[in-house]
Amino acid sequence: AKPGPKVPWQRRARYLRARCVERLKPNQIEELGVAYAFARWLGVPLNTCLTIRFPAGADCPSCFRRGQDVLAKRFRRAGYSLHWVYVWEAKGGEHVHCLAHVPKPLARAFPAMLADAYPGCDVHCERSRSPAEALSYITKGTDVVTRAKFQGRRGHPARRQGIIPWKRCGSTQNLGRAARRKAGLSTP
């Protein structure tokens, strides 16, 4: 038999599941928010905003992973673990926005650590004054409806942030679903 027309709930389910290369989807924003809340629950608030701009023609995902590995090793040597969430954007060149937890003993050395981890990249780092505002800023690359659902009228306006052919957002493993499940917290 021929399938009938799509009903609204089927269209909505497809919208939520489908991968989009131009904007953040509702489930991605929800996952970033849950990872952010889990970091606070762990006692490691995401207190630093980073923007890493990659040079034109660079293999951005592999450069990002290599830099993340270097930072994680430096943190481990100092007795800490790296916690961060990230969102990729392509508007104005490919770059990634991160919210990271930087312990106070590493705060002075962190900009130099970043420069070593991401050579040839333009790295901007600043302490986050308002964590909620920072989360609102990194999740601005979505549509108006999703923005209204998560931010209401406050926060940065929704804008498309260019086409990203790889994973658009994520977090370190210690803030991911498996880590939350292991801690005994229910995950969305």
C-alpha atoms as a PDB file:
ATOM      1  CA  ALA A   1       0.000   0.000   0.000  1.00  0.00           C
ATOM      2  CA  LYS A   2       1.103   3.516  -0.722  1.00  0.00           C
ATOM      3  CA  PRO A   3       1.975   5.568   2.390  1.00  0.00           C
ATOM      4  CA  GLY A   4      -0.373   8.444   3.122  1.00  0.00           C
ATOM      5  CA  PRO A   5       0.549  12.085   3.493  1.00  0.00           C
ATOM      6  CA  LYS A   6       2.894  13.099   6.279  1.00  0.00           C
ATOM      7  CA  VAL A   7       1.127  14.312   9.388  1.00  0.00           C
ATOM      8  CA  PRO A   8       2.552  17.201  11.475  1.00  0.00           C
ATOM      9  CA  TRP A   9       4.103  14.998  14.169  1.00  0.00           C
ATOM     10  CA  GLN A  10       5.961  12.999  11.476  1.00  0.00           C
ATOM     11  CA  ARG A  11       7.348  16.178   9.923  1.00  0.00           C
ATOM     12  CA  ARG A  12       8.428  17.433  13.351  1.00  0.00           C
ATOM     13  CA  ALA A  13      10.099  14.108  14.200  1.00  0.00           C
ATOM     14  CA  ARG A  14      12.015  14.208  10.919  1.00  0.00           C
ATOM     15  CA  TYR A  15      13.067  17.813  11.575  1.00  0.00           C
ATOM     16  CA  LEU A  16      14.409  16.898  15.013  1.00  0.00           C
ATOM     17  CA  ARG A  17      16.328  13.843  13.758  1.00  0.00           C
ATOM     18  CA  ALA A  18      17.643  15.102  10.422  1.00  0.00           C
ATOM     19  CA  ARG A  19      21.186  16.425  10.213  1.00  0.00           C
ATOM     20  CA  CYS A  20      21.482  20.055   9.238  1.00  0.00           C
ATOM     21  CA  VAL A  21      24.746  21.555   7.996  1.00  0.00           C
ATOM     22  CA  GLU A  22      23.563  25.183   8.298  1.00  0.00           C
ATOM     23  CA  ARG A  23      22.289  25.540  11.863  1.00  0.00           C
ATOM     24  CA  LEU A  24      22.027  23.965  15.299  1.00  0.00           C
ATOM     25  CA  LYS A  25      19.034  21.703  15.845  1.00  0.00           C
ATOM     26  CA  PRO A  26      16.904  21.693  19.023  1.00  0.00           C
ATOM     27  CA  ASN A  27      18.391  18.401  20.265  1.00  0.00           C
ATOM     28  CA  GLN A  28      21.927  19.796  19.855  1.00  0.00           C
ATOM     29  CA  ILE A  29      21.155  22.934  21.851  1.00  0.00           C
ATOM     30  CA  GLU A  30      19.495  20.814  24.531  1.00  0.00           C
ATOM     31  CA  GLU A  31      22.564  18.548  24.701  1.00  0.00           C
ATOM     32  CA  LEU A  32      24.895  21.559  25.067  1.00  0.00           C
ATOM     33  CA  GLY A  33      22.703  22.939  27.863  1.00  0.00           C
ATOM     34  CA  VAL A  34      22.675  19.612  29.702  1.00  0.00           C
ATOM     35  CA  ALA A  35      26.473  19.270  29.385  1.00  0.00           C
ATOM     36  CA  TYR A  36      26.826  22.845  30.705  1.00  0.00           C
ATOM     37  CA  ALA A  37      24.579  22.057  33.708  1.00  0.00           C
ATOM     38  CA  PHE A  38      26.452  18.790  34.348  1.00  0.00           C
ATOM     39  CA  ALA A  39      29.754  20.705  34.461  1.00  0.00           C
ATOM     40  CA  ARG A  40      28.291  22.983  37.143  1.00  0.00           C
ATOM     41  CA  TRP A  41      27.000  19.927  39.024  1.00  0.00           C
ATOM     42  CA  LEU A  42      30.515  18.440  38.933  1.00  0.00           C
ATOM     43  CA  GLY A  43      31.915  21.663  40.403  1.00  0.00           C
ATOM     44  CA  VAL A  44      33.769  22.659  37.230  1.00  0.00           C
ATOM     45  CA  PRO A  45      31.774  25.606  35.826  1.00  0.00           C
ATOM     46  CA  LEU A  46      32.585  26.532  32.246  1.00  0.00           C
ATOM     47  CA  ASN A  47      34.155  29.876  33.109  1.00  0.00           C
ATOM     48  CA  THR A  48      36.194  30.800  30.009  1.00  0.00           C
ATOM     49  CA  CYS A  49      35.071  31.718  26.479  1.00  0.00           C
ATOM     50  CA  LEU A  50      37.355  30.831  23.573  1.00  0.00           C
ATOM     51  CA  THR A  51      37.233  31.549  19.872  1.00  0.00           C
ATOM     52  CA  ILE A  52      39.690  29.665  17.682  1.00  0.00           C
ATOM     53  CA  ARG A  53      39.947  30.827  14.057  1.00  0.00           C
ATOM     54  CA  PHE A  54      41.689  28.469  11.671  1.00  0.00           C
ATOM     55  CA  PRO A  55      43.764  29.565   8.664  1.00  0.00           C
ATOM     56  CA  ALA A  56      42.190  29.228   5.221  1.00  0.00           C
ATOM     57  CA  GLY A  57      42.718  25.800   3.707  1.00  0.00           C
ATOM     58  CA  ALA A  58      43.490  24.093   7.030  1.00  0.00           C
ATOM     59  CA  ASP A  59      41.976  20.728   7.931  1.00  0.00           C
ATOM     60  CA  CYS A  60      39.977  22.304  10.740  1.00  0.00           C
ATOM     61  CA  PRO A  61      38.513  19.196  12.470  1.00  0.00           C
ATOM     62  CA  SER A  62      41.886  17.465  12.745  1.00  0.00           C
ATOM     63  CA  CYS A  63      43.625  20.675  13.904  1.00  0.00           C
ATOM     64  CA  PHE A  64      40.930  21.101  16.544  1.00  0.00           C
ATOM     65  CA  ARG A  65      41.289  17.500  17.783  1.00  0.00           C
ATOM     66  CA  ARG A  66      45.089  17.736  17.898  1.00  0.00           C
ATOM     67  CA  GLY A  67      44.890  20.959  19.901  1.00  0.00           C
ATOM     68  CA  GLN A  68      42.314  19.434  22.230  1.00  0.00           C
ATOM     69  CA  ASP A  69      44.634  16.452  22.840  1.00  0.00           C
ATOM     70  CA  VAL A  70      47.574  18.776  23.596  1.00  0.00           C
ATOM     71  CA  LEU A  71      45.461  20.803  26.054  1.00  0.00           C
ATOM     72  CA  ALA A  72      44.100  17.667  27.729  1.00  0.00           C
ATOM     73  CA  LYS A  73      47.654  16.359  28.267  1.00  0.00           C
ATOM     74  CA  ARG A  74      48.802  19.700  29.712  1.00  0.00           C
ATOM     75  CA  PHE A  75      45.817  19.770  32.070  1.00  0.00           C
ATOM     76  CA  ARG A  76      46.480  16.165  33.115  1.00  0.00           C
ATOM     77  CA  ARG A  77      50.126  16.969  33.915  1.00  0.00           C
ATOM     78  CA  ALA A  78      48.904  19.805  36.155  1.00  0.00           C
ATOM     79  CA  GLY A  79      46.440  17.466  37.913  1.00  0.00           C
ATOM     80  CA  TYR A  80      43.213  18.594  36.211  1.00  0.00           C
ATOM     81  CA  SER A  81      41.023  17.362  33.387  1.00  0.00           C
ATOM     82  CA  LEU A  82      39.817  19.350  30.387  1.00  0.00           C
ATOM     83  CA  HIS A  83      36.071  20.146  30.362  1.00  0.00           C
ATOM     84  CA  TRP A  84      34.535  22.078  27.478  1.00  0.00           C
ATOM     85  CA  VAL A  85      31.655  22.374  25.039  1.00  0.00           C
ATOM     86  CA  TYR A  86      32.141  23.684  21.500  1.00  0.00           C
ATOM     87  CA  VAL A  87      30.174  24.938  18.488  1.00  0.00           C
ATOM     88  CA  TRP A  88      31.568  25.351  14.961  1.00  0.00           C
ATOM     89  CA  GLU A  89      30.684  28.310  12.731  1.00  0.00           C
ATOM     90  CA  ALA A  90      31.679  29.162   9.176  1.00  0.00           C
ATOM     91  CA  LYS A  91      30.458  32.739   8.898  1.00  0.00           C
ATOM     92  CA  GLY A  92      33.546  34.929   8.458  1.00  0.00           C
ATOM     93  CA  GLY A  93      35.883  31.941   8.082  1.00  0.00           C
ATOM     94  CA  GLU A  94      35.800  28.600   9.856  1.00  0.00           C
ATOM     95  CA  HIS A  95      36.123  28.957  13.596  1.00  0.00           C
ATOM     96  CA  VAL A  96      34.976  27.296  16.788  1.00  0.00           C
ATOM     97  CA  HIS A  97      33.528  28.826  19.953  1.00  0.00           C
ATOM     98  CA  CYS A  98      34.249  26.951  23.198  1.00  0.00           C
ATOM     99  CA  LEU A  99      33.207  27.281  26.809  1.00  0.00           C
ATOM    100  CA  ALA A 100      35.904  25.732  28.961  1.00  0.00           C
ATOM    101  CA  HIS A 101      36.625  25.229  32.631  1.00  0.00           C
ATOM    102  CA  VAL A 102      40.001  26.748  33.469  1.00  0.00           C
ATOM    103  CA  PRO A 103      41.057  26.173  37.095  1.00  0.00           C
ATOM    104  CA  LYS A 104      42.412  29.262  38.881  1.00  0.00           C
ATOM    105  CA  PRO A 105      45.987  27.890  39.185  1.00  0.00           C
ATOM    106  CA  LEU A 106      46.127  27.539  35.373  1.00  0.00           C
ATOM    107  CA  ALA A 107      44.418  30.848  34.522  1.00  0.00           C
ATOM    108  CA  ARG A 108      47.616  32.804  33.857  1.00  0.00           C
ATOM    109  CA  ALA A 109      49.280  30.051  31.851  1.00  0.00           C
ATOM    110  CA  PHE A 110      46.142  29.148  29.845  1.00  0.00           C
ATOM    111  CA  PRO A 111      46.558  31.684  26.977  1.00  0.00           C
ATOM    112  CA  ALA A 112      50.105  30.406  26.364  1.00  0.00           C
ATOM    113  CA  MET A 113      48.842  26.807  26.516  1.00  0.00           C
ATOM    114  CA  LEU A 114      46.240  27.671  23.871  1.00  0.00           C
ATOM    115  CA  ALA A 115      48.808  29.324  21.619  1.00  0.00           C
ATOM    116  CA  ASP A 116      51.006  26.205  21.854  1.00  0.00           C
ATOM    117  CA  ALA A 117      48.075  23.862  21.223  1.00  0.00           C
ATOM    118  CA  TYR A 118      46.828  25.794  18.168  1.00  0.00           C
ATOM    119  CA  PRO A 119      49.901  27.136  16.313  1.00  0.00           C
ATOM    120  CA  GLY A 120      49.057  29.284  13.299  1.00  0.00           C
ATOM    121  CA  CYS A 121      45.514  29.900  14.558  1.00  0.00           C
ATOM    122  CA  ASP A 122      44.034  33.136  15.830  1.00  0.00           C
ATOM    123  CA  VAL A 123      42.972  32.339  19.412  1.00  0.00           C
ATOM    124  CA  HIS A 124      40.904  34.685  21.556  1.00  0.00           C
ATOM    125  CA  CYS A 125      40.394  33.816  25.222  1.00  0.00           C
ATOM    126  CA  GLU A 126      38.514  35.674  27.955  1.00  0.00           C
ATOM    127  CA  ARG A 127      37.025  34.917  31.352  1.00  0.00           C
ATOM    128  CA  SER A 128      33.245  34.578  31.136  1.00  0.00           C
ATOM    129  CA  ARG A 129      31.426  37.202  33.192  1.00  0.00           C
ATOM    130  CA  SER A 130      28.000  35.687  32.693  1.00  0.00           C
ATOM    131  CA  PRO A 131      27.976  31.949  31.911  1.00  0.00           C
ATOM    132  CA  ALA A 132      24.354  32.001  30.736  1.00  0.00           C
ATOM    133  CA  GLU A 133      25.170  34.815  28.308  1.00  0.00           C
ATOM    134  CA  ALA A 134      28.147  32.833  27.000  1.00  0.00           C
ATOM    135  CA  LEU A 135      25.973  29.756  26.391  1.00  0.00           C
ATOM    136  CA  SER A 136      23.444  31.973  24.633  1.00  0.00           C
ATOM    137  CA  TYR A 137      26.204  33.384  22.418  1.00  0.00           C
ATOM    138  CA  ILE A 138      27.655  30.060  21.294  1.00  0.00           C
ATOM    139  CA  THR A 139      24.184  28.681  20.458  1.00  0.00           C
ATOM    140  CA  LYS A 140      23.151  31.640  18.288  1.00  0.00           C
ATOM    141  CA  GLY A 141      23.496  29.658  15.044  1.00  0.00           C
ATOM    142  CA  THR A 142      19.969  28.281  14.917  1.00  0.00           C
ATOM    143  CA  ASP A 143      16.552  29.148  13.523  1.00  0.00           C
ATOM    144  CA  VAL A 144      14.090  31.598  15.100  1.00  0.00           C
ATOM    145  CA  VAL A 145      11.670  28.943  16.384  1.00  0.00           C
ATOM    146  CA  THR A 146      14.366  26.931  18.146  1.00  0.00           C
ATOM    147  CA  ARG A 147      15.856  30.137  19.565  1.00  0.00           C
ATOM    148  CA  ALA A 148      12.483  31.164  21.014  1.00  0.00           C
ATOM    149  CA  LYS A 149      12.072  27.723  22.595  1.00  0.00           C
ATOM    150  CA  PHE A 150      15.407  27.819  24.433  1.00  0.00           C
ATOM    151  CA  GLN A 151      16.128  31.515  24.977  1.00  0.00           C
ATOM    152  CA  GLY A 152      12.803  33.314  24.722  1.00  0.00           C
ATOM    153  CA  ARG A 153      13.313  36.966  23.806  1.00  0.00           C
ATOM    154  CA  ARG A 154      16.619  37.407  25.603  1.00  0.00           C
ATOM    155  CA  GLY A 155      20.033  36.481  24.303  1.00  0.00           C
ATOM    156  CA  HIS A 156      21.614  36.821  20.889  1.00  0.00           C
ATOM    157  CA  PRO A 157      19.359  36.759  17.811  1.00  0.00           C
ATOM    158  CA  ALA A 158      19.207  33.552  15.791  1.00  0.00           C
ATOM    159  CA  ARG A 159      21.375  33.576  12.661  1.00  0.00           C
ATOM    160  CA  ARG A 160      22.609  30.974  10.256  1.00  0.00           C
ATOM    161  CA  GLN A 161      26.311  30.490  10.747  1.00  0.00           C
ATOM    162  CA  GLY A 162      27.382  28.951   7.458  1.00  0.00           C
ATOM    163  CA  ILE A 163      27.731  25.385   6.231  1.00  0.00           C
ATOM    164  CA  ILE A 164      29.754  22.989   8.390  1.00  0.00           C
ATOM    165  CA  PRO A 165      30.171  19.551   6.753  1.00  0.00           C
ATOM    166  CA  TRP A 166      31.436  17.877   9.943  1.00  0.00           C
ATOM    167  CA  LYS A 167      30.069  17.567  13.487  1.00  0.00           C
ATOM    168  CA  ARG A 168      28.696  21.006  14.368  1.00  0.00           C
ATOM    169  CA  CYS A 169      28.869  20.885  18.178  1.00  0.00           C
ATOM    170  CA  GLY A 170      29.866  18.666  21.071  1.00  0.00           C
ATOM    171  CA  SER A 171      31.668  18.358  24.373  1.00  0.00           C
ATOM    172  CA  THR A 172      34.551  16.531  25.954  1.00  0.00           C
ATOM    173  CA  GLN A 173      33.782  12.931  26.964  1.00  0.00           C
ATOM    174  CA  ASN A 174      33.728  13.800  30.659  1.00  0.00           C
ATOM    175  CA  LEU A 175      30.630  15.968  30.017  1.00  0.00           C
ATOM    176  CA  GLY A 176      28.927  13.615  27.539  1.00  0.00           C
ATOM    177  CA  ARG A 177      25.941  11.296  27.879  1.00  0.00           C
ATOM    178  CA  ALA A 178      27.940   8.278  29.031  1.00  0.00           C
ATOM    179  CA  ALA A 179      29.607  10.311  31.786  1.00  0.00           C
ATOM    180  CA  ARG A 180      26.219  11.614  32.970  1.00  0.00           C
ATOM    181  CA  ARG A 181      24.773   8.096  32.933  1.00  0.00           C
ATOM    182  CA  LYS A 182      27.763   6.816  34.923  1.00  0.00           C
ATOM    183  CA  ALA A 183      27.199   9.585  37.486  1.00  0.00           C
ATOM    184  CA  GLY A 184      23.626   8.309  37.902  1.00  0.00           C
ATOM    185  CA  LEU A 185      21.904  11.221  36.169  1.00  0.00           C
ATOM    186  CA  SER A 186      19.178  10.677  33.601  1.00  0.00           C
ATOM    187  CA  THR A 187      20.092  11.945  30.153  1.00  0.00           C
ATOM    188  CA  PRO A 188      17.767  13.343  27.483  1.00  0.00           C
END
